[in-house]
Protein backbone atom coordinates (compact mmCIF):
# COMPACT_ATOMS: atom_id res chain seq x y z
CA MET A 1 0.00 0.00 0.00
CA ASN A 2 1.26 3.51 -0.77
CA ASP A 3 0.10 7.09 -0.56
CA MET A 4 -1.96 7.15 -3.77
CA HIS A 5 -5.72 7.22 -4.42
CA GLY A 6 -7.18 6.34 -7.82
CA ILE A 7 -9.91 8.11 -9.79
CA ILE A 8 -11.07 6.67 -13.13
CA PHE A 9 -13.27 8.53 -15.61
CA ALA A 10 -15.61 6.13 -17.40
CA TYR A 11 -16.62 8.23 -20.38
CA SER A 12 -19.81 7.64 -22.32
CA SER A 13 -20.46 6.11 -25.71
CA ASP A 14 -18.45 7.21 -28.73
CA GLN A 15 -20.34 7.65 -32.00
CA ARG A 16 -17.35 6.25 -33.89
CA MET A 17 -17.87 3.00 -32.00
CA LYS A 18 -21.63 3.02 -32.38
CA GLU A 19 -22.34 -0.73 -32.60
CA LEU A 20 -20.01 -1.51 -29.70
CA THR A 21 -21.28 1.27 -27.41
CA GLU A 22 -25.03 1.03 -27.96
CA HIS A 23 -25.39 -0.81 -24.65
CA ARG A 24 -22.23 0.24 -22.78
CA THR A 25 -19.52 2.85 -22.25
CA VAL A 26 -16.15 2.64 -23.99
CA SER A 27 -14.69 1.55 -20.64
CA SER A 28 -16.75 -1.65 -20.62
CA ILE A 29 -16.10 -2.77 -24.21
CA PRO A 30 -14.78 -6.37 -24.20
CA PHE A 31 -11.12 -6.68 -25.19
CA GLY A 32 -8.57 -9.47 -25.51
CA ALA A 33 -10.91 -12.50 -25.30
CA ARG A 34 -11.81 -12.13 -21.60
CA TYR A 35 -11.23 -8.55 -20.38
CA ARG A 36 -12.99 -5.20 -20.47
CA VAL A 37 -11.14 -2.00 -21.41
CA ILE A 38 -11.33 -0.61 -17.87
CA ASP A 39 -9.57 -3.71 -16.47
CA PHE A 40 -6.19 -2.44 -17.64
CA VAL A 41 -6.08 0.91 -15.85
CA LEU A 42 -7.91 -0.56 -12.84
CA SER A 43 -5.37 -3.40 -12.58
CA SER A 44 -2.49 -0.93 -13.00
CA MET A 45 -3.76 0.91 -9.93
CA VAL A 46 -4.26 -2.24 -7.87
CA ASN A 47 -0.83 -3.56 -8.86
CA ALA A 48 0.71 -0.32 -7.58
CA GLY A 49 -0.83 -0.91 -4.15
CA ILE A 50 -3.71 1.54 -4.58
CA SER A 51 -6.52 0.22 -2.40
CA ASP A 52 -9.01 3.11 -2.71
CA ILE A 53 -10.40 3.81 -6.18
CA GLY A 54 -13.35 5.91 -7.29
CA VAL A 55 -14.93 5.37 -10.71
CA ILE A 56 -16.85 8.39 -12.00
CA MET A 57 -19.60 7.12 -14.29
CA HIS A 58 -21.02 8.99 -17.26
CA GLU A 59 -23.91 7.79 -19.43
CA ASN A 60 -25.03 4.29 -20.45
CA TYR A 61 -23.18 2.78 -17.51
CA GLN A 62 -25.25 -0.30 -16.51
CA SER A 63 -22.89 -2.73 -18.26
CA LEU A 64 -19.93 -1.25 -16.41
CA LEU A 65 -21.74 -1.50 -13.08
CA ASP A 66 -22.46 -5.18 -13.75
CA HIS A 67 -18.82 -5.82 -14.60
CA LEU A 68 -17.27 -4.02 -11.62
CA GLY A 69 -19.77 -5.11 -8.97
CA PRO A 70 -18.37 -4.47 -5.48
CA GLY A 71 -14.78 -4.82 -6.76
CA LYS A 72 -14.16 -8.30 -5.35
CA ASP A 73 -12.25 -9.55 -8.39
CA TRP A 74 -9.69 -6.74 -7.92
CA ASP A 75 -9.51 -7.19 -4.12
CA LEU A 76 -11.35 -3.90 -3.65
CA ASP A 77 -14.38 -5.25 -1.77
CA ARG A 78 -13.62 -3.62 1.59
CA LYS A 79 -15.44 -2.18 4.57
CA ARG A 80 -13.37 0.99 4.43
CA GLY A 81 -12.33 2.46 1.11
CA GLY A 82 -11.99 -0.03 -1.74
CA LEU A 83 -13.98 0.54 -4.93
CA ARG A 84 -16.46 3.41 -4.98
CA ILE A 85 -18.92 4.07 -7.80
CA LEU A 86 -19.48 7.83 -8.16
CA PRO A 87 -22.55 9.49 -9.74
CA PRO A 88 -22.51 10.40 -13.44
CA PHE A 89 -23.68 13.99 -13.05
CA GLY A 90 -22.13 17.38 -13.60
CA LEU A 91 -22.94 20.42 -11.52
CA THR A 92 -26.59 21.35 -11.01
CA THR A 93 -27.81 23.83 -13.60
CA THR A 94 -29.70 27.03 -12.79
CA GLY A 95 -32.93 25.16 -13.45
CA GLY A 96 -32.09 22.66 -10.74
CA ARG A 97 -31.42 19.80 -13.17
CA ASN A 98 -28.36 17.56 -12.99
CA THR A 99 -26.61 16.99 -16.31
CA SER A 100 -23.82 14.66 -17.40
CA TYR A 101 -20.40 16.24 -17.00
CA ARG A 102 -18.65 17.75 -20.01
CA GLY A 103 -15.06 17.27 -18.90
CA ARG A 104 -12.77 16.04 -16.17
CA MET A 105 -12.80 19.19 -14.02
CA GLU A 106 -16.60 19.38 -14.05
CA ALA A 107 -16.74 15.70 -13.11
CA LEU A 108 -14.37 16.31 -10.20
CA GLY A 109 -16.44 19.30 -9.11
CA SER A 110 -19.52 17.08 -8.93
CA VAL A 111 -17.75 14.65 -6.55
CA LEU A 112 -15.95 17.31 -4.52
CA SER A 113 -17.32 16.03 -1.20
CA TYR A 114 -15.94 12.55 -2.02
CA ILE A 115 -12.47 13.96 -2.66
CA LYS A 116 -12.50 16.07 0.51
CA GLN A 117 -13.90 13.41 2.84
CA SER A 118 -12.95 10.03 1.41
CA VAL A 119 -9.49 10.59 -0.09
CA ARG A 120 -7.10 9.83 2.77
CA GLN A 121 -3.95 9.71 0.64
CA LYS A 122 -1.64 12.59 -0.26
CA TYR A 123 -1.59 11.88 -4.01
CA ILE A 124 -4.30 11.16 -6.56
CA VAL A 125 -3.85 9.23 -9.82
CA MET A 126 -6.44 10.33 -12.37
CA ALA A 127 -6.93 8.13 -15.43
CA ASP A 128 -9.31 7.79 -18.35
CA GLY A 129 -11.08 4.45 -18.59
CA ASP A 130 -10.44 3.97 -22.33
CA ILE A 131 -6.74 3.07 -22.08
CA ILE A 132 -5.17 -0.29 -22.94
CA ALA A 133 -1.78 -0.31 -21.19
CA ASN A 134 -0.02 -1.92 -18.25
CA ILE A 135 1.38 1.12 -16.44
CA ASP A 136 3.86 0.94 -13.57
CA LEU A 137 2.27 3.59 -11.37
CA GLU A 138 4.82 3.05 -8.61
CA ALA A 139 7.47 4.21 -11.07
CA VAL A 140 5.27 7.20 -11.96
CA LEU A 141 5.10 8.16 -8.27
CA GLU A 142 8.88 7.82 -7.95
CA LYS A 143 9.36 10.10 -10.98
CA HIS A 144 6.91 12.59 -9.48
CA LEU A 145 8.76 12.73 -6.16
CA THR A 146 12.27 12.95 -7.60
CA SER A 147 11.35 15.63 -10.14
CA GLY A 148 9.52 17.82 -7.61
CA ALA A 149 6.72 18.29 -10.14
CA ASP A 150 3.24 19.62 -9.40
CA ILE A 151 1.75 17.21 -11.94
CA THR A 152 3.25 14.16 -13.63
CA ALA A 153 1.69 13.17 -16.97
CA VAL A 154 2.02 9.72 -18.53
CA TYR A 155 2.60 9.86 -22.29
CA SER A 156 3.49 7.59 -25.19
CA LYS A 157 5.26 8.22 -28.49
CA ASN A 158 3.58 5.45 -30.48
CA LEU A 159 -0.18 5.71 -29.97
CA GLY A 160 -1.11 6.23 -33.63
CA GLU A 161 -4.42 7.81 -32.61
CA ASP A 162 -6.61 10.54 -34.11
CA PRO A 163 -4.78 13.84 -33.40
CA ALA A 164 -8.05 15.77 -33.38
CA GLU A 165 -9.02 13.83 -30.25
CA SER A 166 -5.60 13.98 -28.59
CA THR A 167 -3.36 16.08 -26.35
CA TYR A 168 0.40 16.32 -26.92
CA PHE A 169 3.30 17.50 -24.77
CA LYS A 170 6.54 19.28 -25.68
CA PHE A 171 9.42 19.11 -23.20
CA ASP A 172 12.31 21.40 -22.33
CA GLY A 173 15.88 20.27 -21.68
CA ASP A 174 15.02 19.29 -18.10
CA GLY A 175 12.19 16.98 -19.14
CA MET A 176 9.46 19.39 -18.02
CA VAL A 177 6.45 20.28 -20.16
CA CYS A 178 7.02 23.56 -21.98
CA ASP A 179 3.98 23.40 -24.25
CA VAL A 180 0.65 21.58 -24.40
CA VAL A 181 -1.06 21.08 -27.77
CA THR A 182 -4.67 19.93 -27.96
CA SER A 183 -6.55 18.68 -31.04
CA PRO A 184 -3.94 19.52 -33.71
CA ASP A 185 -4.25 18.65 -37.39
CA GLU A 186 -1.17 16.43 -37.28
CA PRO A 187 0.33 14.19 -34.55
CA GLN A 188 2.88 15.98 -32.37
CA GLY A 189 4.82 13.02 -30.98
CA ASN A 190 4.39 12.83 -27.21
CA SER A 191 0.73 11.88 -26.81
CA SER A 192 -1.03 12.02 -23.46
CA LEU A 193 -2.44 8.75 -22.15
CA GLY A 194 -4.85 10.63 -19.92
CA VAL A 195 -3.07 9.47 -16.74
CA TYR A 196 -1.94 12.16 -14.29
CA LEU A 197 -0.52 12.13 -10.78
CA ILE A 198 -1.20 15.17 -8.59
CA SER A 199 -1.39 16.00 -4.89
CA LYS A 200 -4.82 16.16 -3.29
CA SER A 201 -4.24 19.71 -2.06
CA LEU A 202 -3.32 21.06 -5.51
CA LEU A 203 -6.20 19.23 -7.16
CA LEU A 204 -8.67 20.79 -4.74
CA GLU A 205 -7.28 24.24 -5.59
CA LEU A 206 -7.63 23.58 -9.31
CA ILE A 207 -11.18 22.26 -8.93
CA ALA A 208 -12.24 25.34 -6.98
CA ASP A 209 -10.71 27.65 -9.59
CA CYS A 210 -12.29 25.83 -12.56
CA VAL A 211 -15.74 25.57 -10.95
CA SER A 212 -15.75 29.28 -10.06
CA HIS A 213 -14.84 30.19 -13.66
CA SER A 214 -17.17 27.67 -15.37
CA LEU A 215 -14.21 25.74 -16.82
CA PHE A 216 -14.55 22.00 -17.34
CA SER A 217 -11.55 20.63 -19.28
CA PHE A 218 -8.40 19.43 -17.50
CA ASP A 219 -6.28 19.40 -20.67
CA ARG A 220 -7.31 22.82 -21.98
CA ASP A 221 -8.16 24.76 -18.82
CA VAL A 222 -5.42 23.42 -16.54
CA LEU A 223 -2.54 21.86 -18.47
CA GLN A 224 -2.61 24.16 -21.50
CA LYS A 225 -3.46 27.43 -19.79
CA ARG A 226 -1.29 26.96 -16.71
CA HIS A 227 1.74 24.97 -17.89
CA GLY A 228 3.87 28.09 -17.44
CA GLU A 229 3.12 28.36 -13.73
CA LEU A 230 2.75 24.66 -12.89
CA LYS A 231 5.71 22.32 -12.95
CA ILE A 232 4.57 19.41 -15.15
CA ALA A 233 6.83 16.38 -15.58
CA GLY A 234 6.42 13.58 -18.12
CA TYR A 235 6.64 9.82 -17.64
CA GLU A 236 7.04 7.84 -20.86
CA GLN A 237 5.04 4.62 -21.21
CA THR A 238 7.36 2.59 -23.42
CA GLY A 239 5.30 -0.60 -23.56
CA PHE A 240 2.14 -1.28 -25.57
CA ALA A 241 -0.35 1.55 -25.14
CA VAL A 242 -3.48 2.54 -27.06
CA ARG A 243 -6.71 4.47 -26.60
CA MET A 244 -10.05 3.25 -27.89
CA GLN A 245 -11.21 5.95 -30.32
CA SER A 246 -13.07 4.13 -33.11
CA THR A 247 -14.24 0.72 -34.24
CA VAL A 248 -11.35 0.53 -36.70
CA SER A 249 -8.79 1.28 -33.98
CA TYR A 250 -10.48 -1.26 -31.70
CA PHE A 251 -10.21 -3.91 -34.40
CA ARG A 252 -6.58 -3.17 -35.24
CA GLN A 253 -5.40 -3.03 -31.64
CA SER A 254 -7.28 -6.21 -30.78
CA MET A 255 -5.63 -8.04 -33.66
CA LYS A 256 -2.20 -6.90 -32.43
CA LEU A 257 -2.71 -9.23 -29.47
CA LEU A 258 -2.00 -12.10 -31.85
CA GLU A 259 1.63 -10.90 -31.83
CA LYS A 260 3.68 -12.52 -29.07
CA GLY A 261 5.68 -9.36 -28.40
CA VAL A 262 2.53 -7.29 -27.80
CA ARG A 263 1.14 -9.88 -25.38
CA SER A 264 4.44 -9.89 -23.49
CA ASP A 265 4.31 -6.09 -23.25
CA LEU A 266 0.76 -6.05 -21.95
CA PHE A 267 0.48 -9.15 -19.79
CA ILE A 268 3.36 -8.93 -17.33
CA PRO A 269 3.45 -11.67 -14.65
CA GLU A 270 4.43 -9.30 -11.83
CA ARG A 271 1.67 -6.86 -12.82
CA PRO A 272 -1.27 -9.13 -13.80
CA ILE A 273 -4.40 -7.82 -15.49
CA LYS A 274 -7.41 -8.82 -13.41
CA THR A 275 -11.01 -9.12 -14.54
CA LYS A 276 -14.39 -10.44 -13.48
CA VAL A 277 -14.19 -14.19 -13.07
CA ARG A 278 -16.52 -16.41 -15.09
CA ASP A 279 -15.85 -20.13 -14.68
CA GLU A 280 -16.12 -22.12 -17.90
CA ALA A 281 -15.04 -25.51 -19.18
CA SER A 282 -11.98 -25.63 -21.43
CA THR A 283 -12.43 -24.82 -25.10
CA TYR A 284 -13.25 -27.91 -27.18
CA TYR A 285 -11.77 -28.48 -30.64
CA ALA A 286 -13.80 -31.09 -32.52
CA PRO A 287 -12.09 -33.70 -34.76
CA GLY A 288 -11.32 -32.08 -38.11
CA SER A 289 -11.39 -28.52 -36.77
CA LYS A 290 -8.46 -26.19 -37.40
CA ALA A 291 -7.09 -23.16 -35.53
CA VAL A 292 -4.20 -20.99 -36.73
CA ASN A 293 -2.82 -17.99 -34.80
CA CYS A 294 -5.90 -17.45 -32.62
CA ILE A 295 -6.73 -16.49 -29.06
CA ALA A 296 -9.72 -18.36 -27.65
CA ALA A 297 -11.13 -17.95 -24.14
CA ASP A 298 -12.64 -20.78 -22.10
CA GLY A 299 -15.98 -22.31 -22.98
CA CYS A 300 -15.69 -22.17 -26.78
CA TYR A 301 -16.71 -25.00 -29.12
CA ILE A 302 -14.81 -25.13 -32.41
CA ASP A 303 -16.03 -27.47 -35.17
CA GLY A 304 -14.81 -25.44 -38.15
CA GLU A 305 -11.73 -23.46 -39.18
CA ILE A 306 -10.49 -20.28 -37.49
CA LYS A 307 -7.48 -18.18 -38.48
CA ASN A 308 -6.19 -14.90 -37.01
CA CYS A 309 -9.17 -14.59 -34.67
CA VAL A 310 -9.94 -13.48 -31.12
CA LEU A 311 -12.77 -15.49 -29.55
CA PHE A 312 -14.38 -14.59 -26.25
CA ARG A 313 -16.01 -17.02 -23.80
CA GLY A 314 -18.72 -19.34 -25.06
CA VAL A 315 -18.26 -18.78 -28.81
CA ARG A 316 -19.48 -21.66 -31.00
CA ILE A 317 -18.12 -22.28 -34.50
CA GLY A 318 -20.21 -24.71 -36.55
CA LYS A 319 -19.09 -27.53 -38.80
CA GLY A 320 -17.62 -26.36 -42.08
CA ALA A 321 -17.55 -22.72 -40.98
CA LYS A 322 -14.50 -20.66 -41.97
CA VAL A 323 -13.74 -17.64 -39.80
CA SER A 324 -10.68 -15.45 -40.37
CA ASN A 325 -9.43 -12.02 -39.22
CA SER A 326 -12.41 -11.63 -36.91
CA ILE A 327 -13.32 -10.82 -33.31
CA LEU A 328 -16.26 -12.75 -31.88
CA MET A 329 -17.50 -11.65 -28.47
CA GLN A 330 -19.12 -13.70 -25.73
CA ASP A 331 -21.67 -16.39 -26.72
CA THR A 332 -21.56 -15.62 -30.44
CA VAL A 333 -22.91 -18.54 -32.48
CA VAL A 334 -21.57 -19.17 -35.98
CA GLU A 335 -23.67 -21.90 -37.59
CA ASP A 336 -22.57 -24.54 -40.08
CA GLY A 337 -21.08 -23.44 -43.40
CA VAL A 338 -20.66 -19.77 -42.51
CA THR A 339 -17.79 -17.70 -43.95
CA LEU A 340 -16.58 -14.65 -42.01
CA ASP A 341 -13.64 -12.37 -42.81
CA TYR A 342 -12.91 -9.06 -41.05
CA VAL A 343 -16.01 -9.23 -38.87
CA VAL A 344 -16.61 -8.03 -35.29
CA THR A 345 -19.62 -9.46 -33.48
CA ASP A 346 -20.88 -8.16 -30.15
CA LYS A 347 -22.27 -10.51 -27.48
CA ASP A 348 -25.04 -13.03 -28.22
CA VAL A 349 -24.92 -12.63 -32.01
CA VAL A 350 -26.12 -15.52 -34.21
CA ILE A 351 -24.85 -15.94 -37.78
CA LYS A 352 -27.26 -18.32 -39.52
CA GLU A 353 -26.20 -21.31 -41.58
CA GLY A 354 -24.48 -20.65 -44.90
CA ARG A 355 -24.12 -16.86 -44.52
CA THR A 356 -21.07 -15.03 -45.92
CA LEU A 357 -19.87 -11.73 -44.43
CA VAL A 358 -16.68 -10.08 -45.68
CA GLY A 359 -15.33 -6.73 -44.52
CA TYR A 360 -11.91 -5.17 -44.79
CA GLU A 361 -9.17 -4.20 -42.32
CA SER A 362 -10.00 -0.50 -42.67
CA TYR A 363 -13.74 -1.19 -42.50
CA PRO A 364 -14.59 -4.36 -40.56
CA ILE A 365 -18.25 -5.38 -40.49
CA THR A 366 -19.53 -4.77 -36.95
CA ILE A 367 -22.69 -6.51 -35.73
CA SER A 368 -24.64 -5.20 -32.72
CA LYS A 369 -25.34 -7.16 -29.56
CA GLY A 370 -28.05 -9.81 -29.84
CA SER A 371 -28.41 -9.55 -33.63
CA ILE A 372 -29.43 -12.51 -35.80
CA VAL A 373 -27.94 -12.40 -39.28
């Protein structure tokens, strides 16, 4: 246990991931055959000894609530502290109506009493819930203390994300942030992962200032406007790191898990990624079935051919079916004789016998939860 408290922002649905976020937030999208997106930042916090974590919800959050539960699977089911689910509302409007928050500072303003009364630690780690990375937050704290920074920002040089939805840092000769660029036309190199370490006292000051001036964005209204007066250090995440920004990026980053080097970067034995446990029998491969370069979770039944695929729990592949370059989520049923290539199915999808669906890497066919094709 150390002197850090975690706060995760579970942002709402993204229109560029429409089929995958119709029934959930980006944070609860399934990833890597058995995980949810939020598992990675949540596990990074737990692995760093953080025992008190608040998750600020946004909209469409029922799926995330079901996944997190009381936090038992992350050893956060405790009488004091542990996992806390925080309300998905911004500040009350003049008409007396609560609205969903527009940015991180507005979200923090809406849970100000939680921060004042429930945060016992000196430092707070704030993180977005749409990150896929295994971050050594103990090393981030060490960098923060040795640098004497007011804020330490985790960044990566190889995100390959949409610059219009990104924040970038420029550093001086001492490794301190000298410029903050938000939503540029072109990538600027050092891309923010949305993970910041800050003292509780400074965060309370910043919240009070932003609320009193009707400011809601941490990147624009704090980092960009005040980088000259605040000492902001950077911590480079050198391992695998991505943000979920679109269905295409979700597909491409999921398929990277088929590379051994990426899996080694992400799934580190001393910093395990934890998730909600669902006990299943081992996956069964019927006589005559074939699997090449695939990841398959427990409980699958394979009676056809699969190649370059990620299969979640309970997926069934019928006899004579050929599935390649596809991601099939929990309890998807592919009936006999089906051909799939570059397809993403959400949970409980049924592909009827003999169907053929072919997408492309830059435009995979995405099928909504519970659909029958």
